PDB file of N, CA and C in Angstrom:
ATOM      1  N   MET A   1     -70.132  60.162 -53.391  1.00  0.00           N
ATOM      2  CA  MET A   1     -70.140  60.581 -51.995  1.00  0.00           C
ATOM      3  C   MET A   1     -70.133  62.113 -51.920  1.00  0.00           C
ATOM      4  N   VAL A   2     -71.033  62.644 -51.160  1.00  0.00           N
ATOM      5  CA  VAL A   2     -71.111  64.086 -50.962  1.00  0.00           C
ATOM      6  C   VAL A   2     -70.454  64.428 -49.640  1.00  0.00           C
ATOM      7  N   ARG A   3     -69.510  65.366 -49.689  1.00  0.00           N
ATOM      8  CA  ARG A   3     -68.852  65.804 -48.463  1.00  0.00           C
ATOM      9  C   ARG A   3     -69.485  67.102 -48.016  1.00  0.00           C
ATOM     10  N   SER A   4     -69.620  67.266 -46.730  1.00  0.00           N
ATOM     11  CA  SER A   4     -70.136  68.524 -46.207  1.00  0.00           C
ATOM     12  C   SER A   4     -69.314  68.922 -44.993  1.00  0.00           C
ATOM     13  N   CYS A   5     -69.393  70.198 -44.676  1.00  0.00           N
ATOM     14  CA  CYS A   5     -68.602  70.711 -43.558  1.00  0.00           C
ATOM     15  C   CYS A   5     -69.218  70.295 -42.222  1.00  0.00           C
ATOM     16  N   ARG A   6     -68.477  70.498 -41.166  1.00  0.00           N
ATOM     17  CA  ARG A   6     -68.945  70.124 -39.823  1.00  0.00           C
ATOM     18  C   ARG A   6     -70.219  70.854 -39.440  1.00  0.00           C
ATOM     19  N   GLU A   7     -70.270  72.155 -39.771  1.00  0.00           N
ATOM     20  CA  GLU A   7     -71.448  72.941 -39.423  1.00  0.00           C
ATOM     21  C   GLU A   7     -72.687  72.439 -40.156  1.00  0.00           C
ATOM     22  N   CYS A   8     -72.518  72.075 -41.435  1.00  0.00           N
ATOM     23  CA  CYS A   8     -73.639  71.519 -42.200  1.00  0.00           C
ATOM     24  C   CYS A   8     -74.114  70.208 -41.571  1.00  0.00           C
ATOM     25  N   THR A   9     -73.171  69.342 -41.261  1.00  0.00           N
ATOM     26  CA  THR A   9     -73.494  68.050 -40.672  1.00  0.00           C
ATOM     27  C   THR A   9     -74.204  68.211 -39.332  1.00  0.00           C
ATOM     28  N   ALA A  10     -73.755  69.185 -38.537  1.00  0.00           N
ATOM     29  CA  ALA A  10     -74.338  69.416 -37.216  1.00  0.00           C
ATOM     30  C   ALA A  10     -75.613  70.256 -37.265  1.00  0.00           C
ATOM     31  N   GLY A  11     -75.943  70.807 -38.431  1.00  0.00           N
ATOM     32  CA  GLY A  11     -77.145  71.632 -38.552  1.00  0.00           C
ATOM     33  C   GLY A  11     -76.998  73.013 -37.929  1.00  0.00           C
ATOM     34  N   LEU A  12     -75.755  73.500 -37.842  1.00  0.00           N
ATOM     35  CA  LEU A  12     -75.501  74.814 -37.242  1.00  0.00           C
ATOM     36  C   LEU A  12     -75.620  75.927 -38.276  1.00  0.00           C
ATOM     37  N   GLY A  13     -76.074  77.091 -37.843  1.00  0.00           N
ATOM     38  CA  GLY A  13     -76.167  78.247 -38.721  1.00  0.00           C
ATOM     39  C   GLY A  13     -74.788  78.756 -39.097  1.00  0.00           C
ATOM     40  N   HIS A  14     -74.538  78.874 -40.387  1.00  0.00           N
ATOM     41  CA  HIS A  14     -73.245  79.348 -40.876  1.00  0.00           C
ATOM     42  C   HIS A  14     -73.364  79.694 -42.351  1.00  0.00           C
ATOM     43  N   CYS A  15     -72.294  80.255 -42.910  1.00  0.00           N
ATOM     44  CA  CYS A  15     -72.275  80.610 -44.321  1.00  0.00           C
ATOM     45  C   CYS A  15     -70.924  80.234 -44.903  1.00  0.00           C
ATOM     46  N   HIS A  16     -70.920  79.744 -46.130  1.00  0.00           N
ATOM     47  CA  HIS A  16     -69.678  79.362 -46.796  1.00  0.00           C
ATOM     48  C   HIS A  16     -69.036  80.525 -47.549  1.00  0.00           C
ATOM     49  N   GLY A  17     -69.689  81.665 -47.577  1.00  0.00           N
ATOM     50  CA  GLY A  17     -69.159  82.838 -48.270  1.00  0.00           C
ATOM     51  C   GLY A  17     -68.176  83.613 -47.408  1.00  0.00           C
ATOM     52  N   THR A  18     -67.646  84.677 -47.991  1.00  0.00           N
ATOM     53  CA  THR A  18     -66.735  85.581 -47.294  1.00  0.00           C
ATOM     54  C   THR A  18     -67.481  86.866 -46.972  1.00  0.00           C
ATOM     55  N   LEU A  19     -67.409  87.299 -45.735  1.00  0.00           N
ATOM     56  CA  LEU A  19     -68.048  88.538 -45.318  1.00  0.00           C
ATOM     57  C   LEU A  19     -67.120  89.703 -45.621  1.00  0.00           C
ATOM     58  N   ILE A  20     -67.637  90.700 -46.327  1.00  0.00           N
ATOM     59  CA  ILE A  20     -66.862  91.904 -46.650  1.00  0.00           C
ATOM     60  C   ILE A  20     -67.370  93.028 -45.757  1.00  0.00           C
ATOM     61  N   ARG A  21     -66.497  93.516 -44.876  1.00  0.00           N
ATOM     62  CA  ARG A  21     -66.874  94.581 -43.945  1.00  0.00           C
ATOM     63  C   ARG A  21     -66.591  95.940 -44.557  1.00  0.00           C
ATOM     64  N   HIS A  22     -67.623  96.776 -44.605  1.00  0.00           N
ATOM     65  CA  HIS A  22     -67.511  98.131 -45.139  1.00  0.00           C
ATOM     66  C   HIS A  22     -67.489  99.144 -44.003  1.00  0.00           C
ATOM     67  N   THR A  23     -66.834 100.264 -44.228  1.00  0.00           N
ATOM     68  CA  THR A  23     -66.811 101.353 -43.261  1.00  0.00           C
ATOM     69  C   THR A  23     -68.105 102.146 -43.315  1.00  0.00           C
ATOM     70  N   ALA A  24     -68.555 102.425 -44.521  1.00  0.00           N
ATOM     71  CA  ALA A  24     -69.696 103.317 -44.694  1.00  0.00           C
ATOM     72  C   ALA A  24     -71.002 102.600 -45.027  1.00  0.00           C
ATOM     73  N   HIS A  25     -70.968 101.280 -45.190  1.00  0.00           N
ATOM     74  CA  HIS A  25     -72.155 100.538 -45.587  1.00  0.00           C
ATOM     75  C   HIS A  25     -72.288  99.275 -44.745  1.00  0.00           C
ATOM     76  N   ARG A  26     -73.425  98.633 -44.877  1.00  0.00           N
ATOM     77  CA  ARG A  26     -73.652  97.367 -44.199  1.00  0.00           C
ATOM     78  C   ARG A  26     -72.732  96.304 -44.802  1.00  0.00           C
ATOM     79  N   ALA A  27     -72.292  95.371 -43.985  1.00  0.00           N
ATOM     80  CA  ALA A  27     -71.447  94.280 -44.477  1.00  0.00           C
ATOM     81  C   ALA A  27     -72.206  93.478 -45.523  1.00  0.00           C
ATOM     82  N   GLU A  28     -71.448  92.885 -46.446  1.00  0.00           N
ATOM     83  CA  GLU A  28     -72.068  92.055 -47.476  1.00  0.00           C
ATOM     84  C   GLU A  28     -71.323  90.741 -47.590  1.00  0.00           C
ATOM     85  N   CYS A  29     -72.011  89.738 -48.101  1.00  0.00           N
ATOM     86  CA  CYS A  29     -71.437  88.410 -48.236  1.00  0.00           C
ATOM     87  C   CYS A  29     -71.281  88.051 -49.707  1.00  0.00           C
ATOM     88  N   THR A  30     -70.239  87.288 -50.013  1.00  0.00           N
ATOM     89  CA  THR A  30     -69.997  86.862 -51.388  1.00  0.00           C
ATOM     90  C   THR A  30     -70.888  85.687 -51.794  1.00  0.00           C
ATOM     91  N   GLU A  31     -71.528  85.075 -50.860  1.00  0.00           N
ATOM     92  CA  GLU A  31     -72.385  83.924 -51.138  1.00  0.00           C
ATOM     93  C   GLU A  31     -73.780  84.408 -51.517  1.00  0.00           C
ATOM     94  N   GLY A  32     -74.209  84.088 -52.713  1.00  0.00           N
ATOM     95  CA  GLY A  32     -75.544  84.477 -53.149  1.00  0.00           C
ATOM     96  C   GLY A  32     -76.617  83.883 -52.245  1.00  0.00           C
ATOM     97  N   GLY A  33     -77.565  84.696 -51.858  1.00  0.00           N
ATOM     98  CA  GLY A  33     -78.643  84.215 -51.007  1.00  0.00           C
ATOM     99  C   GLY A  33     -78.356  84.273 -49.519  1.00  0.00           C
ATOM    100  N   CYS A  34     -77.202  84.757 -49.128  1.00  0.00           N
ATOM    101  CA  CYS A  34     -76.905  84.894 -47.696  1.00  0.00           C
ATOM    102  C   CYS A  34     -77.717  86.069 -47.169  1.00  0.00           C
ATOM    103  N   GLY A  35     -78.676  85.783 -46.337  1.00  0.00           N
ATOM    104  CA  GLY A  35     -79.547  86.832 -45.837  1.00  0.00           C
ATOM    105  C   GLY A  35     -79.136  87.379 -44.486  1.00  0.00           C
ATOM    106  N   SER A  36     -78.010  86.942 -43.980  1.00  0.00           N
ATOM    107  CA  SER A  36     -77.604  87.360 -42.647  1.00  0.00           C
ATOM    108  C   SER A  36     -76.118  87.685 -42.608  1.00  0.00           C
ATOM    109  N   PRO A  37     -75.745  88.864 -43.108  1.00  0.00           N
ATOM    110  CA  PRO A  37     -74.323  89.215 -43.104  1.00  0.00           C
ATOM    111  C   PRO A  37     -73.825  89.615 -41.712  1.00  0.00           C
ATOM    112  N   GLU A  38     -73.744  88.631 -40.826  1.00  0.00           N
ATOM    113  CA  GLU A  38     -73.260  88.869 -39.471  1.00  0.00           C
ATOM    114  C   GLU A  38     -71.929  88.152 -39.291  1.00  0.00           C
ATOM    115  N   LEU A  39     -71.065  88.753 -38.546  1.00  0.00           N
ATOM    116  CA  LEU A  39     -69.710  88.258 -38.351  1.00  0.00           C
ATOM    117  C   LEU A  39     -69.670  86.822 -37.834  1.00  0.00           C
ATOM    118  N   VAL A  40     -70.497  86.482 -36.871  1.00  0.00           N
ATOM    119  CA  VAL A  40     -70.408  85.162 -36.234  1.00  0.00           C
ATOM    120  C   VAL A  40     -70.781  84.008 -37.157  1.00  0.00           C
ATOM    121  N   LEU A  41     -71.491  84.273 -38.236  1.00  0.00           N
ATOM    122  CA  LEU A  41     -71.893  83.199 -39.145  1.00  0.00           C
ATOM    123  C   LEU A  41     -70.860  82.921 -40.235  1.00  0.00           C
ATOM    124  N   HIS A  42     -69.813  83.728 -40.313  1.00  0.00           N
ATOM    125  CA  HIS A  42     -68.835  83.612 -41.385  1.00  0.00           C
ATOM    126  C   HIS A  42     -67.448  83.254 -40.861  1.00  0.00           C
ATOM    127  N   THR A  43     -66.820  82.286 -41.511  1.00  0.00           N
ATOM    128  CA  THR A  43     -65.458  81.896 -41.156  1.00  0.00           C
ATOM    129  C   THR A  43     -64.460  82.877 -41.737  1.00  0.00           C
ATOM    130  N   PHE A  44     -64.754  83.358 -42.954  1.00  0.00           N
ATOM    131  CA  PHE A  44     -63.842  84.259 -43.641  1.00  0.00           C
ATOM    132  C   PHE A  44     -64.404  85.669 -43.655  1.00  0.00           C
ATOM    133  N   VAL A  45     -63.614  86.630 -43.160  1.00  0.00           N
ATOM    134  CA  VAL A  45     -64.021  88.029 -43.073  1.00  0.00           C
ATOM    135  C   VAL A  45     -62.861  88.895 -43.567  1.00  0.00           C
ATOM    136  N   ILE A  46     -63.169  89.836 -44.478  1.00  0.00           N
ATOM    137  CA  ILE A  46     -62.147  90.752 -44.986  1.00  0.00           C
ATOM    138  C   ILE A  46     -62.678  92.180 -44.939  1.00  0.00           C
ATOM    139  N   ASP A  47     -61.763  93.145 -44.936  1.00  0.00           N
ATOM    140  CA  ASP A  47     -62.150  94.548 -45.052  1.00  0.00           C
ATOM    141  C   ASP A  47     -62.356  94.872 -46.524  1.00  0.00           C
ATOM    142  N   CYS A  48     -63.235  95.807 -46.805  1.00  0.00           N
ATOM    143  CA  CYS A  48     -63.630  96.103 -48.179  1.00  0.00           C
ATOM    144  C   CYS A  48     -62.499  96.638 -49.047  1.00  0.00           C
ATOM    145  N   ASP A  49     -61.508  97.293 -48.456  1.00  0.00           N
ATOM    146  CA  ASP A  49     -60.419  97.816 -49.277  1.00  0.00           C
ATOM    147  C   ASP A  49     -59.602  96.696 -49.925  1.00  0.00           C
ATOM    148  N   THR A  50     -59.708  95.494 -49.401  1.00  0.00           N
ATOM    149  CA  THR A  50     -59.045  94.331 -49.982  1.00  0.00           C
ATOM    150  C   THR A  50     -59.577  94.026 -51.381  1.00  0.00           C
ATOM    151  N   VAL A  51     -60.847  94.331 -51.607  1.00  0.00           N
ATOM    152  CA  VAL A  51     -61.462  94.068 -52.916  1.00  0.00           C
ATOM    153  C   VAL A  51     -61.623  95.338 -53.739  1.00  0.00           C
ATOM    154  N   GLY A  52     -60.957  96.415 -53.317  1.00  0.00           N
ATOM    155  CA  GLY A  52     -60.941  97.642 -54.108  1.00  0.00           C
ATOM    156  C   GLY A  52     -62.042  98.633 -53.814  1.00  0.00           C
ATOM    157  N   CYS A  53     -62.785  98.450 -52.760  1.00  0.00           N
ATOM    158  CA  CYS A  53     -63.830  99.403 -52.382  1.00  0.00           C
ATOM    159  C   CYS A  53     -63.167 100.646 -51.782  1.00  0.00           C
ATOM    160  N   ASP A  54     -63.734 101.804 -52.046  1.00  0.00           N
ATOM    161  CA  ASP A  54     -63.131 103.036 -51.525  1.00  0.00           C
ATOM    162  C   ASP A  54     -64.001 103.728 -50.476  1.00  0.00           C
ATOM    163  N   CYS A  55     -64.890 102.992 -49.817  1.00  0.00           N
ATOM    164  CA  CYS A  55     -65.758 103.645 -48.834  1.00  0.00           C
ATOM    165  C   CYS A  55     -64.973 104.151 -47.624  1.00  0.00           C
ATOM    166  N   THR A  56     -63.841 103.552 -47.287  1.00  0.00           N
ATOM    167  CA  THR A  56     -63.005 104.052 -46.196  1.00  0.00           C
ATOM    168  C   THR A  56     -62.466 105.434 -46.548  1.00  0.00           C
ATOM    169  N   GLN A  57     -61.995 105.587 -47.784  1.00  0.00           N
ATOM    170  CA  GLN A  57     -61.476 106.878 -48.246  1.00  0.00           C
ATOM    171  C   GLN A  57     -62.592 107.913 -48.301  1.00  0.00           C
ATOM    172  N   GLN A  58     -63.770 107.512 -48.773  1.00  0.00           N
ATOM    173  CA  GLN A  58     -64.904 108.436 -48.844  1.00  0.00           C
ATOM    174  C   GLN A  58     -65.285 108.945 -47.470  1.00  0.00           C
ATOM    175  N   THR A  59     -65.254 108.057 -46.467  1.00  0.00           N
ATOM    176  CA  THR A  59     -65.581 108.442 -45.101  1.00  0.00           C
ATOM    177  C   THR A  59     -64.533 109.428 -44.561  1.00  0.00           C
ATOM    178  N   SER A  60     -63.253 109.156 -44.825  1.00  0.00           N
ATOM    179  CA  SER A  60     -62.181 110.051 -44.376  1.00  0.00           C
ATOM    180  C   SER A  60     -62.303 111.422 -45.023  1.00  0.00           C
ATOM    181  N   ASP A  61     -62.600 111.443 -46.323  1.00  0.00           N
ATOM    182  CA  ASP A  61     -62.756 112.696 -47.036  1.00  0.00           C
ATOM    183  C   ASP A  61     -63.931 113.501 -46.485  1.00  0.00           C
ATOM    184  N   ARG A  62     -65.009 112.823 -46.181  1.00  0.00           N
ATOM    185  CA  ARG A  62     -66.207 113.503 -45.665  1.00  0.00           C
ATOM    186  C   ARG A  62     -65.942 114.090 -44.282  1.00  0.00           C
ATOM    187  N   LEU A  63     -65.202 113.368 -43.446  1.00  0.00           N
ATOM    188  CA  LEU A  63     -64.900 113.875 -42.108  1.00  0.00           C
ATOM    189  C   LEU A  63     -63.905 115.030 -42.153  1.00  0.00           C
ATOM    190  N   ALA A  64     -63.009 115.025 -43.131  1.00  0.00           N
ATOM    191  CA  ALA A  64     -62.022 116.099 -43.253  1.00  0.00           C
ATOM    192  C   ALA A  64     -62.622 117.379 -43.828  1.00  0.00           C
ATOM    193  N   GLY A  65     -63.719 117.231 -44.579  1.00  0.00           N
ATOM    194  CA  GLY A  65     -64.302 118.385 -45.267  1.00  0.00           C
ATOM    195  C   GLY A  65     -65.250 119.131 -44.489  1.00  0.00           C
TER     196      GLY A  65
END
């Protein structure tokens, strides 16, 4: 038996990956092949500093300089 999520069963647009929101770059998804890194298609969304990205610090440094 194959189980699928409600969105899959209903044929709704969605992604099973996690959206990583960057300060200085376009958002990216952890799911390979996700061509639409938009907030509404993702259930899980995190800020990039959670995964060790330093683009927030780079942006702050650039604005201070």
